[in-house]
Protein backbone atom coordinates (compact mmCIF):
# COMPACT_ATOMS: atom_id res chain seq x y z
CA MET A 1 0.00 0.00 0.00
CA TYR A 2 2.98 2.36 0.65
CA ALA A 3 5.71 3.18 -1.94
CA THR A 4 9.20 1.91 -1.22
CA GLU A 5 12.22 4.18 -0.87
CA ALA A 6 13.44 3.18 -4.33
CA ASP A 7 10.07 4.09 -5.86
CA VAL A 8 10.22 7.54 -4.33
CA ALA A 9 13.76 8.07 -5.59
CA ARG A 10 12.80 7.09 -9.15
CA TRP A 11 9.82 9.42 -9.03
CA LEU A 12 11.92 12.37 -7.83
CA SER A 13 14.44 11.88 -10.63
CA SER A 14 11.71 11.92 -13.25
CA ILE A 15 10.17 15.21 -12.16
CA THR A 16 10.78 18.12 -14.52
CA ASP A 17 12.56 21.11 -13.07
CA LEU A 18 9.65 23.55 -13.17
CA PHE A 19 11.84 26.41 -11.98
CA HIS A 20 14.06 26.34 -15.10
CA HIS A 21 11.52 24.75 -17.44
CA PRO A 22 8.05 26.12 -16.53
CA LEU A 23 4.92 24.67 -18.03
CA PRO A 24 3.38 26.64 -20.90
CA PRO A 25 0.42 28.86 -20.06
CA PHE A 26 -3.05 27.50 -20.66
CA GLU A 27 -4.50 28.52 -24.01
CA ALA A 28 -7.69 27.82 -25.81
CA ASP A 29 -7.72 25.55 -28.82
CA GLY A 30 -6.52 27.20 -32.03
CA GLU A 31 -4.60 30.03 -30.24
CA HIS A 32 -1.07 28.43 -30.11
CA ASP A 33 2.08 30.19 -31.18
CA ARG A 34 3.40 30.04 -34.75
CA GLY A 35 7.13 30.14 -33.73
CA GLU A 36 9.89 27.58 -33.70
CA THR A 37 8.48 25.71 -30.73
CA SER A 38 4.99 25.43 -32.13
CA GLU A 39 5.33 21.72 -32.76
CA ILE A 40 6.65 21.04 -29.26
CA ARG A 41 3.98 23.23 -27.69
CA HIS A 42 1.36 21.62 -29.84
CA CYS A 43 2.32 18.20 -28.51
CA LYS A 44 2.32 19.44 -24.96
CA ARG A 45 -0.97 21.18 -25.53
CA ARG A 46 -2.50 17.95 -26.74
CA LYS A 47 -1.21 16.24 -23.61
CA LEU A 48 -2.69 19.03 -21.50
CA ASP A 49 -5.93 18.74 -23.42
CA ARG A 50 -6.13 15.12 -22.45
CA HIS A 51 -5.53 16.07 -18.85
CA ARG A 52 -8.14 18.83 -19.13
CA ARG A 53 -10.73 16.45 -20.48
CA ARG A 54 -9.83 13.91 -17.82
CA ARG A 55 -9.42 16.23 -14.83
CA GLY A 56 -11.59 19.15 -15.83
CA HIS A 57 -8.69 21.69 -15.83
CA GLY A 58 -5.52 22.43 -17.79
CA ARG A 59 -2.82 22.14 -15.11
CA THR A 60 -1.96 19.18 -12.94
CA ILE A 61 0.43 18.78 -10.06
CA PRO A 62 2.84 15.83 -10.30
CA SER A 63 2.06 12.98 -7.93
CA PRO A 64 4.01 9.85 -7.06
CA PRO A 65 3.14 6.60 -8.82
CA ILE A 66 0.80 4.13 -7.25
CA SER A 67 2.60 1.37 -5.41
CA GLU A 68 2.44 -2.18 -6.68
CA PRO A 69 0.08 -3.43 -3.94
CA ALA A 70 -2.31 -0.60 -4.73
CA VAL A 71 -2.11 -1.38 -8.47
CA ASN A 72 -2.79 -5.01 -7.78
CA ALA A 73 -5.73 -4.11 -5.58
CA THR A 74 -7.14 -1.84 -8.28
CA MET A 75 -6.76 -4.46 -10.96
CA SER A 76 -8.28 -7.15 -8.80
CA SER A 77 -11.29 -4.97 -8.13
CA SER A 78 -11.70 -4.37 -11.88
CA PHE A 79 -11.91 -8.05 -12.77
CA PRO A 80 -14.09 -10.62 -11.04
CA ARG A 81 -12.17 -13.23 -9.15
CA LYS A 82 -12.87 -16.91 -9.38
CA ARG A 83 -15.83 -17.95 -7.28
CA SER A 84 -15.22 -20.28 -4.40
CA ARG A 85 -17.60 -22.78 -2.92
CA ASN A 86 -18.31 -20.51 0.01
CA ASP A 87 -19.42 -17.73 -2.33
CA ASP A 88 -22.66 -19.50 -3.18
CA ASP A 89 -23.45 -19.95 0.48
CA ALA A 90 -22.93 -16.27 1.16
CA ASP A 91 -25.04 -14.98 -1.75
CA ASP A 92 -28.20 -14.46 0.28
CA ALA A 93 -26.44 -12.73 3.13
CA SER A 94 -24.48 -10.40 0.83
CA SER A 95 -27.51 -9.49 -1.26
CA SER A 96 -29.48 -8.80 1.89
CA ALA A 97 -26.72 -6.58 3.21
CA GLN A 98 -26.56 -4.72 -0.11
CA SER A 99 -30.30 -4.15 -0.14
CA ASP A 100 -30.11 -2.89 3.41
CA GLY A 101 -27.36 -0.54 2.36
CA LEU A 102 -29.48 0.77 -0.48
CA ASN A 103 -32.41 1.29 1.84
CA ASN A 104 -30.19 3.18 4.24
CA ASP A 105 -28.99 5.37 1.39
CA ILE A 106 -32.51 6.45 0.50
CA THR A 107 -33.74 6.87 4.06
CA PRO A 108 -34.65 10.52 4.65
CA ARG A 109 -32.06 12.30 6.76
CA PRO A 110 -32.81 15.11 9.20
CA GLY A 111 -32.02 18.57 7.96
CA ARG A 112 -28.66 20.13 8.75
CA PHE A 113 -28.64 21.88 12.10
CA LEU A 114 -28.58 25.62 11.61
CA PRO A 115 -27.05 27.74 14.34
CA ASP A 116 -29.63 30.47 13.72
CA SER A 117 -32.44 28.12 14.75
CA ALA A 118 -30.73 27.05 17.96
CA LEU A 119 -32.35 28.12 21.20
CA GLU A 120 -30.16 30.28 23.37
CA TRP A 121 -30.79 31.86 26.71
CA VAL A 122 -31.36 35.59 26.50
CA PRO A 123 -31.88 37.63 29.67
CA PHE A 124 -35.29 39.19 29.86
CA SER A 125 -33.63 42.50 30.73
CA ALA A 126 -31.79 42.63 27.39
CA ASP A 127 -32.88 45.31 24.94
CA ARG A 128 -34.09 43.42 21.89
CA GLY A 129 -35.70 46.29 20.07
CA PRO A 130 -39.13 46.33 18.47
CA GLU A 131 -38.09 44.06 15.60
CA SER A 132 -36.01 41.56 17.58
CA PRO A 133 -38.15 39.08 19.49
CA SER A 134 -36.31 36.65 21.71
CA ARG A 135 -35.59 33.14 20.50
CA THR A 136 -37.45 31.74 23.44
CA SER A 137 -40.56 33.71 22.56
CA SER A 138 -40.29 32.53 18.95
CA ALA A 139 -40.06 28.97 20.17
CA SER A 140 -43.10 29.55 22.37
CA ASN A 141 -45.05 30.91 19.43
CA GLN A 142 -44.08 27.90 17.33
CA SER A 143 -45.12 25.58 20.15
CA ALA A 144 -48.45 27.35 20.56
CA SER A 145 -49.02 27.22 16.81
CA ALA A 146 -48.32 23.49 16.81
CA SER A 147 -50.66 22.90 19.73
CA ASN A 148 -53.45 24.83 18.02
CA ARG A 149 -53.25 22.68 14.92
CA SER A 150 -56.05 20.14 15.11
CA ILE A 151 -54.99 16.54 14.75
CA PRO A 152 -58.09 14.56 13.74
CA VAL A 153 -58.70 11.12 15.15
CA SER A 154 -60.26 8.23 13.27
CA ASN A 155 -62.23 5.12 14.03
CA ARG A 156 -58.88 3.34 14.32
CA SER A 157 -57.93 5.51 17.26
CA SER A 158 -58.40 4.03 20.70
CA PRO A 159 -61.67 4.79 22.53
CA SER A 160 -59.78 6.75 25.18
CA LYS A 161 -58.22 8.98 22.51
CA GLN A 162 -61.60 9.49 20.84
CA PHE A 163 -63.20 10.37 24.18
CA ARG A 164 -60.44 12.89 24.89
CA ASN A 165 -60.85 14.40 21.44
CA ALA A 166 -64.63 14.67 21.94
CA GLU A 167 -64.08 16.44 25.26
CA MET A 168 -61.74 18.99 23.69
CA LYS A 169 -63.73 19.79 20.56
CA GLU A 170 -66.62 22.23 20.46
CA THR A 171 -68.60 19.82 18.30
CA GLY A 172 -67.86 16.87 20.58
CA PHE A 173 -69.46 15.78 23.82
CA THR A 174 -68.71 14.85 27.40
CA VAL A 175 -69.88 11.92 29.49
CA GLY A 176 -71.32 12.06 33.00
CA ASN A 177 -73.38 10.17 35.53
CA PHE A 178 -77.01 10.77 36.39
CA ARG A 179 -76.16 10.86 40.08
CA ARG A 180 -73.25 13.30 39.76
CA ARG A 181 -74.35 15.79 37.14
CA PRO A 182 -77.33 18.14 37.29
CA HIS A 183 -80.10 17.54 34.78
CA PRO A 184 -83.62 18.86 34.12
CA GLU A 185 -86.42 17.94 36.45
CA SER A 186 -88.35 16.33 33.61
CA LEU A 187 -85.44 13.98 32.95
CA LYS A 188 -85.10 13.19 36.64
CA THR A 189 -88.77 12.23 36.83
CA LEU A 190 -88.53 9.93 33.82
CA ARG A 191 -85.26 8.43 35.04
CA ILE A 192 -86.72 7.50 38.44
CA GLN A 193 -89.77 5.95 36.82
CA LEU A 194 -87.61 3.85 34.51
CA ARG A 195 -85.39 2.87 37.43
CA ASP A 196 -88.38 1.62 39.42
CA ILE A 197 -89.71 -0.31 36.43
CA GLY A 198 -86.28 -1.82 35.83
CA SER A 199 -86.10 -3.06 39.42
CA GLY A 200 -89.17 -5.22 38.79
CA HIS A 201 -90.86 -4.43 42.11
CA GLY A 202 -94.66 -4.34 41.82
CA ILE A 203 -94.77 -3.92 38.07
CA LEU A 204 -97.13 -6.84 37.34
CA PRO A 205 -100.81 -6.99 38.34
CA ALA A 206 -101.63 -9.34 41.18
CA SER A 207 -104.31 -10.96 39.03
CA LEU A 208 -101.59 -12.62 36.96
CA GLU A 209 -99.78 -14.19 39.91
CA ASN A 210 -101.74 -17.44 39.99
CA GLU A 211 -101.70 -17.78 36.22
CA LEU A 212 -97.96 -17.31 35.95
CA GLN A 213 -97.18 -19.62 38.84
CA ASP A 214 -99.28 -22.40 37.34
CA ILE A 215 -97.04 -22.59 34.28
CA GLU A 216 -93.88 -22.77 36.39
CA SER A 217 -92.43 -19.37 35.69
CA GLU A 218 -89.55 -18.00 37.72
CA ILE A 219 -91.07 -14.59 38.35
CA PRO A 220 -90.52 -13.68 42.03
CA PRO A 221 -93.47 -12.74 44.28
CA TYR A 222 -92.24 -9.13 44.73
CA ALA A 223 -92.94 -8.47 41.04
CA PHE A 224 -96.72 -8.43 41.63
CA ASP A 225 -98.41 -5.24 42.78
CA LYS A 226 -100.55 -5.91 45.84
CA ASN A 227 -100.88 -2.29 46.89
CA GLU A 228 -104.51 -1.21 46.68
CA ALA A 229 -103.51 2.40 45.96
CA THR A 230 -101.64 1.54 42.78
CA ARG A 231 -103.24 -1.74 41.81
CA ALA A 232 -105.78 -0.27 39.39
CA ASN A 233 -103.10 1.63 37.49
CA THR A 234 -100.92 -1.48 37.29
CA GLU A 235 -103.81 -3.50 35.89
CA ALA A 236 -104.38 -0.93 33.15
CA ILE A 237 -100.72 -0.79 32.15
CA ALA A 238 -100.32 -4.56 32.15
CA SER A 239 -103.17 -5.04 29.70
CA ASN A 240 -100.70 -4.60 26.82
CA LEU A 241 -98.13 -7.08 28.11
CA PRO A 242 -97.26 -10.06 25.90
CA PRO A 243 -98.21 -13.58 27.01
CA LEU A 244 -95.69 -15.61 28.96
CA SER A 245 -95.30 -18.04 26.05
CA TRP A 246 -93.98 -15.21 23.88
CA VAL A 247 -91.59 -14.16 26.65
CA GLN A 248 -90.20 -17.67 27.04
CA THR A 249 -89.73 -18.08 23.29
CA LEU A 250 -87.80 -14.82 23.21
CA LEU A 251 -85.64 -16.00 26.12
CA ASP A 252 -84.79 -19.20 24.27
CA ARG A 253 -83.68 -17.34 21.16
CA ALA A 254 -81.66 -14.82 23.15
CA ASP A 255 -79.94 -17.66 24.99
CA GLU A 256 -79.07 -19.30 21.67
CA CYS A 257 -77.52 -16.08 20.39
CA HIS A 258 -75.45 -15.78 23.54
CA THR A 259 -74.41 -19.42 23.81
CA ASN A 260 -73.46 -19.73 20.15
CA ARG A 261 -71.72 -16.34 20.11
CA GLU A 262 -73.84 -15.21 17.18
CA ALA A 263 -73.24 -11.97 15.34
CA GLU A 264 -74.83 -8.65 16.16
CA ALA A 265 -77.12 -9.03 13.15
CA SER A 266 -78.70 -12.11 14.73
CA TRP A 267 -79.36 -10.26 17.95
CA ASN A 268 -80.86 -7.33 16.03
CA ALA A 269 -83.16 -9.44 13.87
CA ASP A 270 -84.24 -12.18 16.29
CA VAL A 271 -84.14 -10.52 19.71
CA TYR A 272 -84.12 -6.72 19.63
CA ALA A 273 -86.49 -6.13 16.71
CA PRO A 274 -89.23 -8.43 18.15
CA VAL A 275 -89.06 -6.52 21.45
CA LEU A 276 -89.49 -3.19 19.64
CA GLU A 277 -92.31 -4.60 17.53
CA GLN A 278 -94.09 -5.70 20.69
CA VAL A 279 -94.09 -2.12 22.00
CA PHE A 280 -94.31 0.16 18.96
CA ARG A 281 -96.42 -1.88 16.54
CA SER A 282 -99.80 -3.53 16.60
CA ASP A 283 -98.44 -6.35 14.44
CA ARG A 284 -95.30 -7.14 12.49
CA PHE A 285 -95.70 -4.25 10.04
CA ALA A 286 -98.25 -1.68 11.26
CA SER A 287 -97.44 0.86 13.97
CA ARG A 288 -99.79 1.37 16.89
CA ASP A 289 -100.00 5.14 16.39
CA LEU A 290 -97.74 7.97 15.25
CA VAL A 291 -94.66 6.40 16.92
CA ASP A 292 -92.73 3.73 15.01
CA PHE A 293 -89.15 2.45 14.67
CA ARG A 294 -86.66 1.62 11.93
CA TRP A 295 -83.56 -0.53 11.75
CA CYS A 296 -81.03 1.98 10.37
CA PRO A 297 -77.41 0.76 10.59
CA SER A 298 -76.53 2.73 7.43
CA ALA A 299 -77.97 6.09 8.51
CA GLN A 300 -75.10 8.58 8.32
CA ILE A 301 -74.83 12.02 9.84
CA LEU A 302 -75.17 14.84 7.32
CA PRO A 303 -71.89 16.74 6.75
CA PRO A 304 -73.01 20.07 8.31
CA PHE A 305 -73.81 18.25 11.55
CA LYS A 306 -70.78 15.97 11.72
CA PRO A 307 -68.21 16.58 14.44
CA ARG A 308 -65.06 18.39 13.31
CA ASP A 309 -61.76 16.51 13.43
CA ALA A 310 -63.47 13.36 14.67
CA PRO A 311 -64.96 10.25 13.07
CA SER A 312 -68.67 10.16 12.38
CA LYS A 313 -70.83 7.51 14.04
CA MET A 314 -74.07 5.63 13.42
CA VAL A 315 -76.65 3.76 15.49
CA ASP A 316 -78.72 0.62 14.88
CA PHE A 317 -82.36 1.60 15.56
CA CYS A 318 -84.29 4.85 15.72
CA VAL A 319 -87.78 5.47 17.07
CA PHE A 320 -89.44 8.28 15.14
CA ILE A 321 -92.68 10.23 14.90
CA ARG A 322 -94.89 10.00 11.84
CA PRO A 323 -97.36 12.92 11.71
CA ASP A 324 -100.78 12.36 10.27
CA ARG A 325 -101.06 12.83 6.53
CA ALA A 326 -101.89 16.37 5.41
CA SER A 327 -101.75 17.55 9.02
CA THR A 328 -100.48 20.97 10.02
CA GLU A 329 -97.32 19.38 11.41
CA GLU A 330 -96.57 17.50 8.20
CA ARG A 331 -96.96 20.65 6.10
CA ALA A 332 -94.73 22.59 8.46
CA ILE A 333 -92.04 19.90 8.26
CA ASN A 334 -92.14 19.90 4.47
CA ALA A 335 -91.81 23.68 4.40
CA ILE A 336 -88.86 23.84 6.76
CA CYS A 337 -87.00 21.04 4.99
CA HIS A 338 -86.47 23.32 1.98
CA THR A 339 -83.98 25.35 4.02
CA ARG A 340 -82.20 22.51 5.79
CA PRO A 341 -79.16 20.38 4.85
CA GLY A 342 -80.16 17.34 2.84
CA HIS A 343 -83.75 18.63 2.85
CA SER A 344 -84.14 16.60 6.04
CA ILE A 345 -85.84 17.41 9.32
CA ASN A 346 -83.19 15.30 11.09
CA HIS A 347 -79.39 15.18 11.20
CA THR A 348 -79.53 12.25 8.75
CA ASP A 349 -81.35 11.89 5.44
CA LEU A 350 -81.84 8.13 5.25
CA GLY A 351 -85.24 7.07 3.92
CA ASN A 352 -88.21 8.43 5.80
CA PHE A 353 -85.97 10.18 8.33
CA CYS A 354 -86.04 13.14 5.95
CA LYS A 355 -89.58 13.92 7.07
CA HIS A 356 -90.15 11.98 10.32
CA PRO A 357 -88.44 13.38 13.44
CA ILE A 358 -86.23 10.99 15.41
CA ALA A 359 -87.17 10.81 19.09
CA LEU A 360 -85.22 7.83 20.50
CA SER A 361 -81.92 6.34 19.31
CA ILE A 362 -80.74 2.80 20.08
CA GLU A 363 -77.21 1.42 19.76
CA THR A 364 -76.73 -2.35 20.05
CA LYS A 365 -73.69 -4.53 20.71
CA ARG A 366 -73.27 -8.25 21.05
CA PRO A 367 -72.00 -9.58 24.40
CA GLY A 368 -68.32 -9.09 25.04
CA GLU A 369 -67.86 -6.04 22.83
CA GLN A 370 -66.49 -2.87 24.36
CA GLY A 371 -69.15 -0.66 25.83
CA ASP A 372 -66.96 2.40 25.21
CA ASN A 373 -67.61 2.13 21.49
CA ALA A 374 -71.37 2.19 22.06
CA THR A 375 -71.01 5.27 24.27
CA LEU A 376 -68.91 6.98 21.60
CA GLN A 377 -71.53 6.23 18.97
CA MET A 378 -74.42 7.47 21.08
CA GLY A 379 -72.59 10.61 22.22
CA THR A 380 -71.54 11.54 18.69
CA TRP A 381 -75.01 10.80 17.32
CA HIS A 382 -76.74 12.88 19.99
CA SER A 383 -74.35 15.83 19.61
CA ALA A 384 -75.17 15.91 15.88
CA GLN A 385 -78.88 15.71 16.68
CA TRP A 386 -78.57 18.68 19.02
CA ARG A 387 -76.92 20.72 16.24
CA SER A 388 -79.76 19.74 13.94
CA LEU A 389 -82.38 20.84 16.46
CA ARG A 390 -80.65 24.20 16.85
CA TYR A 391 -80.00 24.71 13.13
CA ASN A 392 -82.86 27.03 12.25
CA GLY A 393 -85.03 26.93 15.35
CA ASP A 394 -85.82 29.90 17.55
CA PRO A 395 -82.80 30.40 19.87
CA SER A 396 -85.09 31.54 22.66
CA SER A 397 -87.20 28.39 22.44
CA ARG A 398 -85.82 25.51 24.47
CA SER A 399 -88.74 23.18 25.04
CA ILE A 400 -86.65 20.08 24.25
CA GLU A 401 -84.64 19.60 27.43
CA PHE A 402 -82.98 16.25 26.73
CA LEU A 403 -82.62 13.49 24.15
CA PRO A 404 -83.17 9.87 25.25
CA GLY A 405 -81.17 6.87 24.08
CA LEU A 406 -80.74 3.16 24.71
CA ILE A 407 -77.47 1.23 24.76
CA VAL A 408 -78.06 -2.50 24.40
CA GLN A 409 -75.29 -5.02 24.93
CA GLY A 410 -76.30 -8.64 24.72
CA HIS A 411 -79.17 -9.18 27.15
CA ASP A 412 -78.77 -5.85 28.95
CA TRP A 413 -80.74 -2.69 28.03
CA GLN A 414 -79.53 0.61 29.50
CA PHE A 415 -81.20 4.03 29.37
CA VAL A 416 -79.03 7.09 28.66
CA ALA A 417 -79.87 10.71 27.90
CA SER A 418 -78.02 13.78 26.69
CA VAL A 419 -78.48 17.40 27.69
CA LEU A 420 -76.72 20.63 26.76
CA ASP A 421 -74.33 22.00 29.36
CA GLU A 422 -73.70 25.66 30.17
CA SER A 423 -71.54 26.11 27.07
CA GLY A 424 -74.07 24.48 24.75
CA LYS A 425 -72.08 21.26 24.42
CA ALA A 426 -73.72 17.83 24.54
CA LEU A 427 -73.41 15.94 27.83
CA LEU A 428 -74.27 12.24 27.74
CA LEU A 429 -75.62 10.97 31.07
CA ARG A 430 -75.68 7.28 31.94
CA THR A 431 -77.11 4.85 32.93
CA VAL A 432 -80.33 3.28 34.19
CA ARG A 433 -81.04 -0.39 33.63
CA LEU A 434 -84.28 -0.78 31.72
CA GLY A 435 -84.50 -4.57 31.70
CA GLY A 436 -83.05 -7.55 29.89
CA THR A 437 -83.67 -10.69 27.89
CA ASP A 438 -82.05 -13.05 30.38
CA SER A 439 -85.11 -13.65 32.58
CA GLU A 440 -88.88 -13.49 32.42
CA LEU A 441 -89.07 -10.58 34.84
CA GLY A 442 -86.31 -8.82 32.89
CA VAL A 443 -88.34 -9.05 29.68
CA TYR A 444 -91.49 -7.72 31.37
CA SER A 445 -89.50 -4.85 32.89
CA LEU A 446 -88.05 -4.09 29.48
CA ILE A 447 -91.44 -4.08 27.77
CA MET A 448 -92.96 -1.82 30.38
CA GLY A 449 -89.99 0.55 30.32
CA LEU A 450 -90.27 0.90 26.54
CA GLN A 451 -94.00 1.51 26.90
CA ARG A 452 -93.22 4.35 29.30
CA LEU A 453 -90.81 5.84 26.75
CA ARG A 454 -93.43 5.59 24.02
CA ARG A 455 -95.88 7.58 26.14
CA TRP A 456 -93.20 10.16 26.87
CA ILE A 457 -92.50 10.59 23.14
CA LYS A 458 -96.17 11.19 22.38
CA GLU A 459 -97.04 13.33 25.39
CA GLU A 460 -93.87 15.35 25.97
CA TYR A 461 -91.29 15.15 23.21
CA TRP A 462 -93.61 15.65 20.25
CA PRO A 463 -95.22 18.84 21.65
CA ALA A 464 -91.75 20.18 22.51
CA PHE A 465 -90.51 19.41 18.99
CA ILE A 466 -93.47 21.23 17.48
CA SER A 467 -92.68 24.27 19.61
CA ASP A 468 -88.93 24.34 18.97
CA MET A 469 -88.68 23.26 15.35
CA LEU A 470 -92.02 24.12 13.78
CA ASN A 471 -92.65 27.33 15.76
CA GLN A 472 -96.14 26.24 16.65
CA ALA A 473 -97.64 26.78 20.07
């Protein structure tokens, strides 16, 4: 690799004495002298031209010759050597290493550190002048600007991240507990009634006790109302209860769905829908009155009502109000829809939801699924519904005090409701157990709780909706 002493001596003896024999000045092609030395200069110029083409300039500095080991190494690298047996074994490893090297070459590198962008400590007492803000203040401004940039979350984000995002955004929502957060008196009254129904105490008429015990039901004695003061009212309410045979058939199907770990679609079609039909319809297809329900897993929130920088959500069932044909309310809804997004009276434009106001939303999950996702869906859905209700209504009219909802997971049915807090943001309150499909008493509690919600929709929500949205007294 290093030249020997003899090599250096030979090189020194071959160097031209530049002091007595200087190199000719660099000239462009075609501008050489015409004198006696023109031929010699022409030859040298051609040699310099070769150097210029090779090196990119006309003058070169003499350098010692390459030593023999270096020449041998250069020549050996120019010609492939004979492959050995071990070469084949090392092919994969070498090619992998080369590909890794290529990947490293194209990996983006951080930008070069600039001293001007470095943070340095500057005393606050220093005179910076009106046009010379401190570096620390510039860094603070950059940090504040970065923090103000909204980073949207998606459905792939964790529930905790989505909840935090919903809490921070104006178009989001917060979650609270009925016992810890204040809520309207009308909601408190309904909540207590649903709680008492869900407990199962005294909800069935005493006249059914002997009948139900004869067919070996497991309904406890405390479920029958034996109080003379309330007995007449219980008898009237229980007149619309389904027969025990229907209840037991429903229990069998719900147990099959649970035991066989069936999909949510099976629960919706074979368990939840029959329960809703029992309450809101006179038969499989016809509604009892102006209140009906729809299975709506594809109902999407209209863009103007979607939350900003957050994923949109959907629910599984909606209970809605169908005004009488050609009624004053129907004409008012049709008129107002001309000025609303999607020409819809609701925050979604799926099917008949364009003209029939949604009063109760239901989100369902099969057993074992995370309840946080159901809460996210209901909170997002309700916050969009609140924006829809306030879209072109009278700001001074606030007859609608809360929006009810149901979160169903497997056998369990829970009542939730949302209100608007002091800042006008949706607050989802939870939960009160309505009933369930895991026992006979649970089914009867569920049916009676839904019947109470149906009466509330007709007697309280619908008049409030007419006042707020249709501007009718």
